Amino acid sequence: MAFKPLHDRVLVRRVESDEKTAGGLIIPDSAKEKPAEGVVVACGDGARKDSGELIEMAVSAGDKVLFGKWSGTEVTVDGEELLIMKESDILGIITDGAAAKAA
């Protein structure tokens, strides 16, 4: 990857949504909503306090995250469509335990 976000920005790859509903209906591409779930590809170093002290990022590359529906800016890096957003646009990190409870 030839892109490193700066400060408190995060590069995210969207997770593909299902093509069928729970009832078995196939969803056409024009009706699909873009998922608000993704995997962190790269992170900046973090924000800085007024004193200059670094505030470390709460997320890291490889984390599966949830973000707001309209969060981020779409960018193309190495031919792949990704999102770049501020860390504060990320709502939370999905862990294996959280995914099991939601299911």
Protein backbone atom coordinates (compact mmCIF):
# COMPACT_ATOMS: atom_id res chain seq x y z
CA MET A 1 0.00 0.00 0.00
CA ALA A 2 1.49 3.33 -1.05
CA PHE A 3 -0.66 5.55 1.20
CA LYS A 4 -0.24 6.54 4.86
CA PRO A 5 -2.94 8.72 6.44
CA LEU A 6 -1.79 11.71 8.46
CA HIS A 7 -2.67 12.72 12.03
CA ASP A 8 -5.94 11.10 13.24
CA ARG A 9 -7.12 9.83 9.86
CA VAL A 10 -7.84 6.20 9.00
CA LEU A 11 -7.97 4.36 5.66
CA VAL A 12 -10.84 1.82 5.59
CA ARG A 13 -11.86 -0.93 3.14
CA ARG A 14 -15.63 -1.50 3.11
CA VAL A 15 -16.91 -5.01 3.84
CA GLU A 16 -19.09 -6.31 1.01
CA SER A 17 -22.79 -6.64 1.83
CA ASP A 18 -24.88 -9.77 1.28
CA GLU A 19 -26.55 -10.16 -2.09
CA LYS A 20 -29.59 -11.93 -0.62
CA THR A 21 -32.01 -11.05 2.15
CA ALA A 22 -32.74 -13.42 5.02
CA GLY A 23 -35.85 -14.52 3.08
CA GLY A 24 -33.78 -15.41 0.00
CA LEU A 25 -34.59 -12.38 -2.20
CA ILE A 26 -31.71 -11.24 -4.40
CA ILE A 27 -30.88 -7.56 -3.95
CA PRO A 28 -29.92 -5.74 -7.20
CA ASP A 29 -26.82 -3.50 -7.09
CA SER A 30 -28.94 -0.37 -7.56
CA ALA A 31 -30.92 -1.11 -4.36
CA LYS A 32 -27.97 -2.06 -2.14
CA GLU A 33 -26.96 0.31 0.62
CA LYS A 34 -23.27 0.78 1.12
CA PRO A 35 -22.32 -1.00 4.33
CA ALA A 36 -21.16 0.99 7.32
CA GLU A 37 -18.70 -1.72 8.26
CA GLY A 38 -15.12 -2.08 7.16
CA VAL A 39 -11.58 -3.12 7.92
CA VAL A 40 -8.87 -0.60 8.80
CA VAL A 41 -6.12 -0.69 6.17
CA ALA A 42 -3.82 2.02 7.56
CA CYS A 43 -3.77 4.63 10.34
CA GLY A 44 -2.04 7.93 10.97
CA ASP A 45 0.08 8.51 14.05
CA GLY A 46 -2.73 10.22 16.01
CA ALA A 47 -3.90 13.69 16.95
CA ARG A 48 -1.89 16.14 19.03
CA LYS A 49 -2.91 18.03 22.14
CA ASP A 50 -2.31 21.78 22.35
CA SER A 51 0.83 20.96 24.33
CA GLY A 52 2.12 18.91 21.36
CA GLU A 53 1.71 15.58 23.15
CA LEU A 54 0.60 12.75 20.83
CA ILE A 55 -2.80 11.12 21.43
CA GLU A 56 -2.43 7.54 20.20
CA MET A 57 -5.01 6.00 17.88
CA ALA A 58 -7.60 3.66 19.40
CA VAL A 59 -7.77 1.62 16.17
CA SER A 60 -5.03 -0.14 14.24
CA ALA A 61 -4.62 -1.82 10.86
CA GLY A 62 -6.70 -5.00 10.65
CA ASP A 63 -9.44 -3.87 13.08
CA LYS A 64 -13.03 -4.45 11.89
CA VAL A 65 -14.98 -1.24 12.55
CA LEU A 66 -18.42 0.35 12.29
CA PHE A 67 -18.74 3.90 10.99
CA GLY A 68 -21.51 6.36 10.15
CA LYS A 69 -23.41 5.92 6.88
CA TRP A 70 -22.10 9.20 5.44
CA SER A 71 -18.64 9.08 7.03
CA GLY A 72 -15.43 9.49 5.13
CA THR A 73 -14.31 10.47 1.68
CA GLU A 74 -14.04 7.89 -1.09
CA VAL A 75 -10.55 7.63 -2.57
CA THR A 76 -8.94 5.25 -5.05
CA VAL A 77 -5.59 3.82 -3.95
CA ASP A 78 -3.80 1.30 -6.18
CA GLY A 79 -7.03 0.83 -8.18
CA GLU A 80 -9.10 -0.03 -5.09
CA GLU A 81 -11.94 2.13 -3.74
CA LEU A 82 -11.33 2.92 -0.07
CA LEU A 83 -12.56 5.44 2.50
CA ILE A 84 -10.47 7.93 4.41
CA MET A 85 -12.03 9.32 7.57
CA LYS A 86 -11.18 10.82 10.92
CA GLU A 87 -10.88 8.39 13.80
CA SER A 88 -13.80 10.19 15.48
CA ASP A 89 -16.08 9.06 12.59
CA ILE A 90 -15.56 5.45 13.69
CA LEU A 91 -18.35 4.33 16.03
CA GLY A 92 -16.67 1.22 17.39
CA ILE A 93 -14.47 -1.82 16.88
CA ILE A 94 -16.12 -5.19 16.19
CA THR A 95 -14.53 -8.05 18.10
CA ASP A 96 -15.25 -11.76 17.73
CA GLY A 97 -17.17 -11.76 21.02
CA ALA A 98 -19.37 -8.83 19.91
CA ALA A 99 -20.13 -10.51 16.58
CA ALA A 100 -21.19 -13.71 18.33
CA LYS A 101 -23.56 -11.84 20.67
CA ALA A 102 -25.16 -9.95 17.75
CA ALA A 103 -25.88 -13.18 15.85
